[in-house]
Amino acid sequence: MSGLLEHDLVGIAAAIRQGDASAEQVTRLCLGRLEGQGRAHNAVVRLDAQAALEAARAADLARARGAALGPLHGVPLAHKDLFYRAGRPCAGGSKIRADYVPDETASVLLRLDAAGAIDLGTLHMAEFALSPTGYNEHYGHGRNPWSPEHVCGGSSSGSGIAVAGRMVFGSLGTDTGGSIRHPAAMCGVTGLKPTLRRVSGDGVMPLSWSLDCVGPLAQSARDCARLLGVIAGAGPRDGSAAAVAVPDYEAALATSVRGLRIAVPRDYYDDALDPEVAAARDESLRVLRDLGAIVVDTQVPDMAVINAMMQVVIACEAATIHRRWLAQRPGDYADQVRTRIEAGLYYPATRYLEAVSLRARLTEDYLRAALGDCDVMHLPAIPITVPTIAATTQGSPADVAAVIAAVTRCTRAINYLGLPALSVPAGFSAQGLPIAFQLVGKPFDEATLLRAGHAFQQATDWHRRIPQ
């Protein structure tokens, strides 16, 4: 394996900046891996190889001239296929939008461009971002790089596969009920769902406008800190991002976690927890204790109410977005996707408004009970070990639904509550599939999550493991 692949995103950025590697060399390496392993694991939608190599050569010339270099100068990235780039097709994993070509570029991609990143192309995703497993009836399922018979997580499936397989050094995904955290957890990489409205959604195909969050998947918390520092903050073209100051996330990583108070909510998050996942969770807490963190058991409020309100919001908002297509092209949806969206057509407006109006109070109740006087919460990311593709697509509908519900059990409420969450690799199951935990914090306190995740990763190497 090339020594370049031993670097994380921050490391390869430093290597390019220092002249130890060229942007063109690294870009060619990533394009080759995407063409080979990426297509074999169904991670790739489109590669813009010529444009990427031209950008890489320009990056190398700029460095040679002594130009000012951005924090991602020359670093190859590729992103989930719902970020618009002017003139490039963007299907969002669907048949319905297979020919859609946007005429503007997403604000987050413009920020990455300005930081010097090289955009290699677009990555596979679940149809309209509506699967936590990587299911896509039209273009095939994403394949877990650790075992192709197992799901890779979704809906940002290609992002998880590509980062885990060292095909790219980072990727942007979106998270509406766990769609960054699922593939990060199942593929063994780090994934950050920021606070609602921390990052602009301008130029990003929506699923549910009041739940969708744009965030990074990368090898490490340090990588996610750099990427978030580039993409966070209000944009000039829209009001979808909050006008909240963006801290120096990387600088905050240097602060020790000694004395950090970590809440571990029990009951709901312990129920249905697989023994292997529980063992990995307990070991991760031991590591954090050894680093000086203080672990405190807490409880949660009625999660059935929160989950029910979350379901109302996502169903109603998705149905609003898809209403015309549902009427005109119902046969162009996969059955599993169409039925989930159609449910939103049957909720009364009063039910949706109730779910929206209760959101602030339920968030306060959750933080009071689950976080208490602590700094962060430590939850399972996925409470079961990574299931097979067969277990999520075959058999009785009830059995399939039960597996999918288990996958989303610990993630979906966090989107309704608008809180930031970081998925952190924490071990492997007996079958050799990744296990992860998630850190959840107060609104706009991504810095504390990243600091705790970084400290854990300085003491462990789970995030460094590479599929063979």
Protein backbone atom coordinates (compact mmCIF):
# COMPACT_ATOMS: atom_id res chain seq x y z
CA MET A 1 0.00 0.00 0.00
CA SER A 2 1.25 3.43 -0.88
CA GLY A 3 2.68 5.31 2.06
CA LEU A 4 0.45 8.23 1.10
CA LEU A 5 -2.56 6.27 2.31
CA GLU A 6 -1.13 6.19 5.82
CA HIS A 7 -1.98 9.88 6.12
CA ASP A 8 -5.29 11.24 7.30
CA LEU A 9 -6.72 14.34 5.64
CA VAL A 10 -4.75 16.77 7.80
CA GLY A 11 -1.62 14.71 7.25
CA ILE A 12 -1.93 14.61 3.46
CA ALA A 13 -2.63 18.35 3.39
CA ALA A 14 0.63 18.88 5.28
CA ALA A 15 2.52 16.53 2.95
CA ILE A 16 1.32 18.46 -0.11
CA ARG A 17 2.03 21.83 1.50
CA GLN A 18 5.58 20.71 2.43
CA GLY A 19 6.30 19.20 -0.98
CA ASP A 20 6.54 15.62 0.28
CA ALA A 21 3.77 14.72 -2.16
CA SER A 22 2.25 16.50 -5.13
CA ALA A 23 -1.46 17.18 -5.51
CA GLU A 24 -1.37 15.46 -8.89
CA GLN A 25 0.27 12.35 -7.43
CA VAL A 26 -2.31 12.08 -4.65
CA THR A 27 -5.19 12.81 -7.02
CA ARG A 28 -4.09 10.07 -9.42
CA LEU A 29 -3.85 7.64 -6.52
CA CYS A 30 -7.39 8.43 -5.34
CA LEU A 31 -8.87 8.30 -8.84
CA GLY A 32 -7.31 4.88 -9.35
CA ARG A 33 -8.72 3.56 -6.10
CA LEU A 34 -12.16 4.95 -6.88
CA GLU A 35 -12.12 3.35 -10.32
CA GLY A 36 -11.09 0.01 -8.84
CA GLN A 37 -12.29 -0.57 -5.30
CA GLY A 38 -14.83 2.23 -5.45
CA ARG A 39 -16.75 0.78 -8.36
CA ALA A 40 -16.39 -2.77 -7.02
CA HIS A 41 -18.13 -1.68 -3.78
CA ASN A 42 -20.65 0.53 -5.63
CA ALA A 43 -19.37 3.73 -4.07
CA VAL A 44 -19.04 5.81 -7.24
CA VAL A 45 -21.60 7.65 -9.36
CA ARG A 46 -19.36 9.89 -11.47
CA LEU A 47 -15.66 10.71 -11.66
CA ASP A 48 -14.52 13.99 -13.21
CA ALA A 49 -10.97 12.78 -13.72
CA GLN A 50 -9.79 15.30 -16.32
CA ALA A 51 -11.05 18.33 -14.41
CA ALA A 52 -9.63 16.95 -11.17
CA LEU A 53 -6.17 16.38 -12.65
CA GLU A 54 -6.17 19.86 -14.19
CA ALA A 55 -7.07 21.32 -10.78
CA ALA A 56 -4.33 19.26 -9.13
CA ARG A 57 -1.71 20.47 -11.58
CA ALA A 58 -2.84 24.05 -10.99
CA ALA A 59 -2.53 23.45 -7.25
CA ASP A 60 1.04 22.22 -7.67
CA LEU A 61 1.94 25.23 -9.81
CA ALA A 62 0.44 27.58 -7.23
CA ARG A 63 2.56 26.01 -4.50
CA ALA A 64 5.69 26.24 -6.68
CA ARG A 65 5.02 29.96 -7.21
CA GLY A 66 4.74 30.52 -3.48
CA ALA A 67 1.05 31.41 -3.57
CA ALA A 68 -1.00 31.47 -0.38
CA LEU A 69 -2.36 27.97 0.25
CA GLY A 70 -5.74 27.13 1.76
CA PRO A 71 -6.24 24.57 4.55
CA LEU A 72 -7.25 21.87 2.02
CA HIS A 73 -4.82 22.79 -0.74
CA GLY A 74 -4.50 19.89 -3.18
CA VAL A 75 -6.50 17.42 -1.06
CA PRO A 76 -8.74 15.07 -3.13
CA LEU A 77 -12.35 14.80 -1.96
CA ALA A 78 -15.58 13.39 -3.42
CA HIS A 79 -19.10 13.89 -2.16
CA LYS A 80 -22.56 12.39 -1.89
CA ASP A 81 -24.54 12.84 -5.10
CA LEU A 82 -26.89 15.55 -3.83
CA PHE A 83 -24.51 18.50 -3.70
CA TYR A 84 -25.12 20.67 -6.75
CA ARG A 85 -22.25 21.71 -8.97
CA ALA A 86 -23.20 23.85 -11.95
CA GLY A 87 -23.25 21.83 -15.16
CA ARG A 88 -22.78 18.44 -13.46
CA PRO A 89 -25.66 15.91 -13.31
CA CYS A 90 -27.04 15.34 -9.82
CA ALA A 91 -29.57 12.50 -9.44
CA GLY A 92 -29.71 12.19 -5.66
CA GLY A 93 -29.67 8.41 -6.01
CA SER A 94 -32.97 8.52 -7.92
CA LYS A 95 -34.38 7.57 -11.28
CA ILE A 96 -36.66 10.61 -11.28
CA ARG A 97 -33.80 13.14 -11.26
CA ALA A 98 -31.38 11.11 -13.36
CA ASP A 99 -31.15 13.90 -15.97
CA TYR A 100 -31.17 16.87 -13.62
CA VAL A 101 -28.29 19.32 -14.19
CA PRO A 102 -28.14 22.26 -11.74
CA ASP A 103 -27.09 25.72 -12.87
CA GLU A 104 -25.46 26.72 -9.58
CA THR A 105 -22.97 25.25 -7.13
CA ALA A 106 -23.69 24.44 -3.49
CA SER A 107 -22.27 26.94 -1.01
CA VAL A 108 -20.33 24.21 0.81
CA LEU A 109 -18.63 23.10 -2.41
CA LEU A 110 -17.65 26.70 -3.14
CA ARG A 111 -16.10 26.89 0.33
CA LEU A 112 -14.14 23.69 -0.26
CA ASP A 113 -12.98 25.02 -3.63
CA ALA A 114 -11.80 28.23 -2.00
CA ALA A 115 -9.90 26.18 0.60
CA GLY A 116 -8.01 24.42 -2.21
CA ALA A 117 -9.72 21.01 -2.23
CA ILE A 118 -9.82 18.92 -5.42
CA ASP A 119 -13.32 17.63 -6.29
CA LEU A 120 -13.03 14.16 -7.86
CA GLY A 121 -16.73 13.55 -8.48
CA THR A 122 -19.89 12.20 -6.89
CA LEU A 123 -20.54 9.19 -4.69
CA HIS A 124 -23.35 6.67 -4.41
CA MET A 125 -26.25 7.23 -2.05
CA ALA A 126 -29.65 5.83 -1.14
CA GLU A 127 -32.56 6.95 -3.31
CA PHE A 128 -33.51 10.49 -2.26
CA ALA A 129 -31.47 9.93 0.95
CA LEU A 130 -34.14 7.59 2.36
CA SER A 131 -32.33 4.51 3.62
CA PRO A 132 -30.17 4.00 6.72
CA THR A 133 -28.52 0.91 5.19
CA GLY A 134 -27.39 2.01 1.71
CA TYR A 135 -30.36 0.44 -0.10
CA ASN A 136 -30.87 1.61 -3.68
CA GLU A 137 -33.15 -0.39 -5.96
CA HIS A 138 -32.22 1.58 -9.08
CA TYR A 139 -28.42 1.60 -8.89
CA GLY A 140 -27.65 -1.26 -6.52
CA HIS A 141 -26.79 -1.39 -2.85
CA GLY A 142 -23.60 0.04 -1.43
CA ARG A 143 -21.19 -2.71 -0.33
CA ASN A 144 -19.41 -2.56 3.00
CA PRO A 145 -15.64 -2.44 2.36
CA TRP A 146 -15.06 -4.80 5.31
CA SER A 147 -17.52 -7.39 3.95
CA PRO A 148 -19.45 -6.83 0.69
CA GLU A 149 -22.36 -9.00 1.86
CA HIS A 150 -23.07 -6.54 4.67
CA VAL A 151 -24.69 -3.12 4.46
CA CYS A 152 -22.47 -0.06 4.38
CA GLY A 153 -24.93 2.29 6.07
CA GLY A 154 -26.81 5.11 4.44
CA SER A 155 -27.91 7.29 3.06
CA SER A 156 -24.37 8.69 2.56
CA SER A 157 -23.26 5.21 1.56
CA GLY A 158 -20.59 6.05 -1.01
CA SER A 159 -19.02 8.55 1.38
CA GLY A 160 -18.57 5.93 4.09
CA ILE A 161 -17.19 3.34 1.65
CA ALA A 162 -14.79 5.75 -0.06
CA VAL A 163 -13.33 7.19 3.13
CA ALA A 164 -12.97 3.76 4.79
CA GLY A 165 -11.27 2.33 1.71
CA ARG A 166 -8.86 5.30 1.53
CA MET A 167 -10.26 6.22 -1.88
CA VAL A 168 -10.62 9.84 -0.76
CA PHE A 169 -9.38 11.71 2.29
CA GLY A 170 -12.79 13.12 3.17
CA SER A 171 -16.33 13.49 1.94
CA LEU A 172 -19.43 15.56 2.60
CA GLY A 173 -22.68 13.79 3.41
CA THR A 174 -26.05 14.77 4.78
CA ASP A 175 -27.79 13.54 7.92
CA THR A 176 -31.58 13.68 8.36
CA GLY A 177 -31.99 10.78 10.79
CA GLY A 178 -28.45 9.39 10.94
CA SER A 179 -27.30 9.38 7.31
CA ILE A 180 -23.76 10.53 8.13
CA ARG A 181 -23.46 8.56 11.35
CA HIS A 182 -24.79 5.26 9.94
CA PRO A 183 -22.16 4.83 7.19
CA ALA A 184 -19.45 6.25 9.44
CA ALA A 185 -20.27 3.70 12.15
CA MET A 186 -20.72 0.75 9.79
CA CYS A 187 -17.62 1.48 7.68
CA GLY A 188 -15.30 2.39 10.57
CA VAL A 189 -14.71 6.11 9.92
CA THR A 190 -15.49 9.33 11.80
CA GLY A 191 -18.66 11.21 10.89
CA LEU A 192 -19.99 14.51 12.20
CA LYS A 193 -23.62 15.64 12.13
CA PRO A 194 -23.40 19.30 13.08
CA THR A 195 -26.01 21.29 14.93
CA LEU A 196 -29.05 22.10 12.81
CA ARG A 197 -28.17 25.20 10.69
CA ARG A 198 -24.47 25.13 11.62
CA VAL A 199 -23.69 24.53 7.91
CA SER A 200 -25.46 25.99 4.87
CA GLY A 201 -27.84 23.74 2.94
CA ASP A 202 -27.86 26.06 -0.07
CA GLY A 203 -27.55 24.02 -3.27
CA VAL A 204 -28.15 20.67 -1.55
CA MET A 205 -31.05 18.43 -2.59
CA PRO A 206 -33.39 18.37 0.44
CA LEU A 207 -35.19 15.49 2.11
CA SER A 208 -36.61 17.30 5.14
CA TRP A 209 -35.65 20.96 5.38
CA SER A 210 -35.91 21.26 9.16
CA LEU A 211 -33.92 18.06 9.84
CA ASP A 212 -31.26 17.94 7.09
CA CYS A 213 -27.68 18.65 8.21
CA VAL A 214 -24.57 18.80 6.01
CA GLY A 215 -21.42 17.40 7.58
CA PRO A 216 -18.11 15.61 6.95
CA LEU A 217 -17.00 11.99 6.96
CA ALA A 218 -13.26 11.47 7.31
CA GLN A 219 -10.73 9.25 8.97
CA SER A 220 -10.38 11.19 12.21
CA ALA A 221 -11.96 13.77 14.47
CA ARG A 222 -9.04 16.02 13.57
CA ASP A 223 -10.00 15.73 9.90
CA CYS A 224 -13.64 16.52 10.68
CA ALA A 225 -12.52 19.57 12.66
CA ARG A 226 -10.66 20.94 9.65
CA LEU A 227 -13.52 20.24 7.24
CA LEU A 228 -16.10 21.75 9.57
CA GLY A 229 -13.95 24.84 10.00
CA VAL A 230 -14.10 25.34 6.23
CA ILE A 231 -17.82 24.70 5.63
CA ALA A 232 -19.47 26.08 8.81
CA GLY A 233 -21.14 29.45 9.09
CA ALA A 234 -23.76 31.53 7.35
CA GLY A 235 -23.43 31.90 3.61
CA PRO A 236 -24.02 35.06 1.55
CA ARG A 237 -26.66 33.49 -0.71
CA ASP A 238 -29.15 32.04 1.76
CA GLY A 239 -30.39 32.03 5.32
CA SER A 240 -30.21 28.29 5.90
CA ALA A 241 -27.13 28.58 8.13
CA ALA A 242 -27.25 30.32 11.49
CA ALA A 243 -25.26 33.52 12.01
CA VAL A 244 -23.28 31.98 14.87
CA ALA A 245 -19.51 32.53 15.14
CA VAL A 246 -17.34 29.65 13.95
CA PRO A 247 -14.64 28.73 16.48
CA ASP A 248 -11.21 27.32 15.70
CA TYR A 249 -12.16 23.65 15.95
CA GLU A 250 -8.62 22.38 15.38
CA ALA A 251 -7.13 24.58 18.08
CA ALA A 252 -9.68 23.25 20.57
CA LEU A 253 -8.37 19.70 20.05
CA ALA A 254 -5.28 20.52 22.08
CA THR A 255 -7.29 20.90 25.30
CA SER A 256 -7.21 17.86 27.60
CA VAL A 257 -10.41 15.97 28.41
CA ARG A 258 -9.36 15.67 32.05
CA GLY A 259 -12.36 16.71 34.11
CA LEU A 260 -14.72 16.55 31.12
CA ARG A 261 -18.09 15.24 32.32
CA ILE A 262 -19.55 12.55 30.06
CA ALA A 263 -23.20 11.57 30.52
CA VAL A 264 -24.22 8.00 29.68
CA PRO A 265 -28.02 7.89 29.33
CA ARG A 266 -29.40 4.50 30.31
CA ASP A 267 -32.68 2.60 29.82
CA TYR A 268 -33.67 3.44 26.22
CA TYR A 269 -30.09 3.31 24.94
CA ASP A 270 -29.37 0.07 26.81
CA ASP A 271 -32.49 -1.68 25.53
CA ALA A 272 -31.85 -3.96 22.53
CA LEU A 273 -28.09 -3.30 22.75
CA ASP A 274 -26.14 -6.17 21.22
CA PRO A 275 -23.62 -7.69 23.70
CA GLU A 276 -20.67 -7.00 21.37
CA VAL A 277 -21.73 -3.38 20.96
CA ALA A 278 -22.21 -3.06 24.71
CA ALA A 279 -18.72 -4.44 25.33
CA ALA A 280 -17.17 -1.98 22.87
CA ARG A 281 -19.11 0.87 24.46
CA ASP A 282 -17.91 -0.06 27.93
CA GLU A 283 -14.32 -0.30 26.73
CA SER A 284 -14.54 3.13 25.10
CA LEU A 285 -15.79 4.58 28.38
CA ARG A 286 -12.86 2.95 30.19
CA VAL A 287 -10.44 4.65 27.78
CA LEU A 288 -12.09 8.02 28.37
CA ARG A 289 -11.98 7.51 32.14
CA ASP A 290 -8.27 6.69 31.90
CA LEU A 291 -7.82 9.99 30.07
CA GLY A 292 -9.32 11.78 33.06
CA ALA A 293 -12.94 12.19 31.96
CA ILE A 294 -15.72 11.75 34.53
CA VAL A 295 -18.50 9.36 33.49
CA VAL A 296 -21.99 9.95 34.90
CA ASP A 297 -25.07 7.74 34.41
CA THR A 298 -28.23 9.65 33.43
CA GLN A 299 -31.74 8.89 32.19
CA VAL A 300 -33.85 10.00 29.22
CA PRO A 301 -37.37 11.38 28.93
CA ASP A 302 -40.08 9.55 26.98
CA MET A 303 -38.31 8.69 23.73
CA ALA A 304 -41.51 7.38 22.16
CA VAL A 305 -42.87 10.93 22.03
CA ILE A 306 -39.66 12.36 20.55
CA ASN A 307 -39.41 9.61 17.93
CA ALA A 308 -43.08 10.03 17.00
CA MET A 309 -42.64 13.77 16.50
CA MET A 310 -39.51 13.14 14.43
CA GLN A 311 -41.48 10.76 12.18
CA VAL A 312 -44.24 13.32 11.63
CA VAL A 313 -41.77 16.04 10.65
CA ILE A 314 -39.71 13.97 8.21
CA ALA A 315 -42.76 12.37 6.60
CA CYS A 316 -44.66 15.63 6.10
CA GLU A 317 -41.70 17.62 4.82
CA ALA A 318 -40.57 14.84 2.46
CA ALA A 319 -44.13 14.43 1.13
CA THR A 320 -44.32 18.17 0.48
CA ILE A 321 -41.11 18.08 -1.56
CA HIS A 322 -42.16 14.94 -3.48
CA ARG A 323 -45.90 15.58 -3.89
CA ARG A 324 -45.79 16.34 -7.63
CA TRP A 325 -43.52 13.39 -8.44
CA LEU A 326 -45.64 11.05 -6.34
CA ALA A 327 -48.65 12.01 -8.46
CA GLN A 328 -46.91 11.98 -11.84
CA ARG A 329 -44.22 9.28 -11.54
CA PRO A 330 -45.09 6.90 -8.68
CA GLY A 331 -43.62 3.92 -10.54
CA ASP A 332 -40.19 5.52 -10.66
CA TYR A 333 -39.73 5.20 -6.90
CA ALA A 334 -38.61 2.01 -5.21
CA ASP A 335 -41.57 0.66 -3.24
CA GLN A 336 -39.67 0.96 0.05
CA VAL A 337 -38.95 4.63 -0.63
CA ARG A 338 -42.35 5.61 -2.03
CA THR A 339 -44.31 4.13 0.88
CA ARG A 340 -42.19 5.99 3.42
CA ILE A 341 -42.75 9.32 1.66
CA GLU A 342 -46.46 8.74 0.99
CA ALA A 343 -47.13 8.40 4.70
CA GLY A 344 -46.60 12.13 5.00
CA LEU A 345 -49.61 12.84 2.78
CA TYR A 346 -52.00 11.55 5.42
CA TYR A 347 -50.98 13.51 8.52
CA PRO A 348 -53.27 16.47 9.24
CA ALA A 349 -51.64 19.91 9.27
CA THR A 350 -52.40 20.15 12.98
CA ARG A 351 -50.24 17.10 13.67
CA TYR A 352 -47.28 18.58 11.80
CA LEU A 353 -47.63 21.93 13.54
CA GLU A 354 -47.81 20.14 16.88
CA ALA A 355 -44.54 18.34 16.13
CA VAL A 356 -42.86 21.61 15.15
CA SER A 357 -44.19 23.57 18.14
CA LEU A 358 -43.15 20.89 20.67
CA ARG A 359 -39.58 20.75 19.41
CA ALA A 360 -38.01 23.38 21.67
CA ARG A 361 -39.66 22.05 24.83
CA LEU A 362 -38.79 18.42 24.07
CA THR A 363 -35.19 19.45 23.40
CA GLU A 364 -35.00 21.17 26.78
CA ASP A 365 -36.50 18.12 28.49
CA TYR A 366 -34.05 15.79 26.77
CA LEU A 367 -30.98 17.87 27.62
CA ARG A 368 -32.11 18.30 31.23
CA ALA A 369 -32.55 14.55 31.73
CA ALA A 370 -29.92 12.99 29.47
CA LEU A 371 -27.12 15.56 29.65
CA GLY A 372 -27.80 17.13 33.03
CA ASP A 373 -24.76 19.05 34.25
CA CYS A 374 -22.38 17.15 31.95
CA ASP A 375 -20.50 18.39 28.89
CA VAL A 376 -21.29 15.65 26.35
CA MET A 377 -23.37 12.49 26.06
CA HIS A 378 -22.00 9.09 25.08
CA LEU A 379 -24.51 6.92 23.17
CA PRO A 380 -24.35 3.87 20.92
CA ALA A 381 -24.22 4.83 17.25
CA ILE A 382 -25.81 1.61 15.97
CA PRO A 383 -27.14 -0.68 18.77
CA ILE A 384 -26.73 -3.86 16.70
CA THR A 385 -23.79 -5.28 14.80
CA VAL A 386 -23.72 -4.48 11.08
CA PRO A 387 -26.49 -6.50 9.38
CA THR A 388 -26.26 -8.25 6.04
CA ILE A 389 -27.85 -6.84 2.91
CA ALA A 390 -30.11 -9.90 2.86
CA ALA A 391 -31.38 -9.17 6.37
CA THR A 392 -32.45 -5.68 5.30
CA THR A 393 -34.02 -6.61 1.94
CA GLN A 394 -35.34 -10.19 2.15
CA GLY A 395 -37.82 -12.03 4.33
CA SER A 396 -41.05 -10.76 5.83
CA PRO A 397 -41.67 -7.01 5.71
CA ALA A 398 -42.00 -7.02 9.49
CA ASP A 399 -38.57 -8.60 9.96
CA VAL A 400 -36.93 -6.20 7.52
CA ALA A 401 -38.61 -3.22 9.19
CA ALA A 402 -37.42 -4.39 12.60
CA VAL A 403 -33.78 -4.46 11.47
CA ILE A 404 -34.03 -1.03 9.85
CA ALA A 405 -35.71 0.39 12.97
CA ALA A 406 -32.88 -0.99 15.10
CA VAL A 407 -30.28 0.72 12.89
CA THR A 408 -31.90 4.14 13.42
CA ARG A 409 -32.88 3.69 17.08
CA CYS A 410 -30.09 5.80 18.57
CA THR A 411 -29.69 8.43 15.84
CA ARG A 412 -33.04 9.70 14.57
CA ALA A 413 -34.13 11.63 17.66
CA ILE A 414 -30.93 13.69 17.61
CA ASN A 415 -31.99 15.30 14.32
CA TYR A 416 -35.41 16.30 15.65
CA LEU A 417 -33.69 17.79 18.70
CA GLY A 418 -31.22 19.67 16.46
CA LEU A 419 -28.14 18.56 18.42
CA PRO A 420 -24.61 17.90 17.11
CA ALA A 421 -23.33 14.31 17.12
CA LEU A 422 -20.01 12.66 16.28
CA SER A 423 -19.72 8.97 15.34
CA VAL A 424 -16.40 7.52 16.51
CA PRO A 425 -14.97 4.06 15.60
CA ALA A 426 -14.59 1.89 18.72
CA GLY A 427 -13.84 -1.68 17.71
CA PHE A 428 -14.93 -4.62 15.61
CA SER A 429 -17.47 -7.42 15.97
CA ALA A 430 -16.52 -11.09 15.87
CA GLN A 431 -17.40 -11.00 12.16
CA GLY A 432 -14.87 -8.24 11.56
CA LEU A 433 -17.39 -5.41 11.08
CA PRO A 434 -16.90 -1.98 12.69
CA ILE A 435 -18.59 -0.84 15.91
CA ALA A 436 -18.90 2.81 16.94
CA PHE A 437 -20.25 5.11 19.61
CA GLN A 438 -21.57 8.63 19.19
CA LEU A 439 -20.91 11.74 21.22
CA VAL A 440 -23.83 14.18 21.42
CA GLY A 441 -23.60 17.72 22.76
CA LYS A 442 -25.26 21.06 23.27
CA PRO A 443 -26.26 23.13 20.23
CA PHE A 444 -23.25 24.64 18.42
CA ASP A 445 -20.78 22.87 20.74
CA GLU A 446 -19.17 20.70 18.07
CA ALA A 447 -15.79 21.74 19.47
CA THR A 448 -16.30 19.70 22.64
CA LEU A 449 -17.41 16.62 20.69
CA LEU A 450 -14.39 16.86 18.43
CA ARG A 451 -12.06 17.37 21.39
CA ALA A 452 -13.38 14.25 23.13
CA GLY A 453 -13.31 12.23 19.93
CA HIS A 454 -9.76 13.34 19.18
CA ALA A 455 -8.58 12.42 22.67
CA PHE A 456 -10.09 8.95 22.30
CA GLN A 457 -8.43 8.54 18.90
CA GLN A 458 -5.05 9.59 20.29
CA ALA A 459 -5.36 6.66 22.70
CA THR A 460 -6.75 4.09 20.22
CA ASP A 461 -6.23 3.15 16.59
CA TRP A 462 -9.67 1.89 15.51
CA HIS A 463 -10.04 4.81 13.10
CA ARG A 464 -6.71 3.93 11.49
CA ARG A 465 -7.72 0.41 10.43
CA ILE A 466 -8.03 -0.13 6.66
CA PRO A 467 -10.12 -2.85 4.96
CA GLN A 468 -8.05 -5.38 3.07
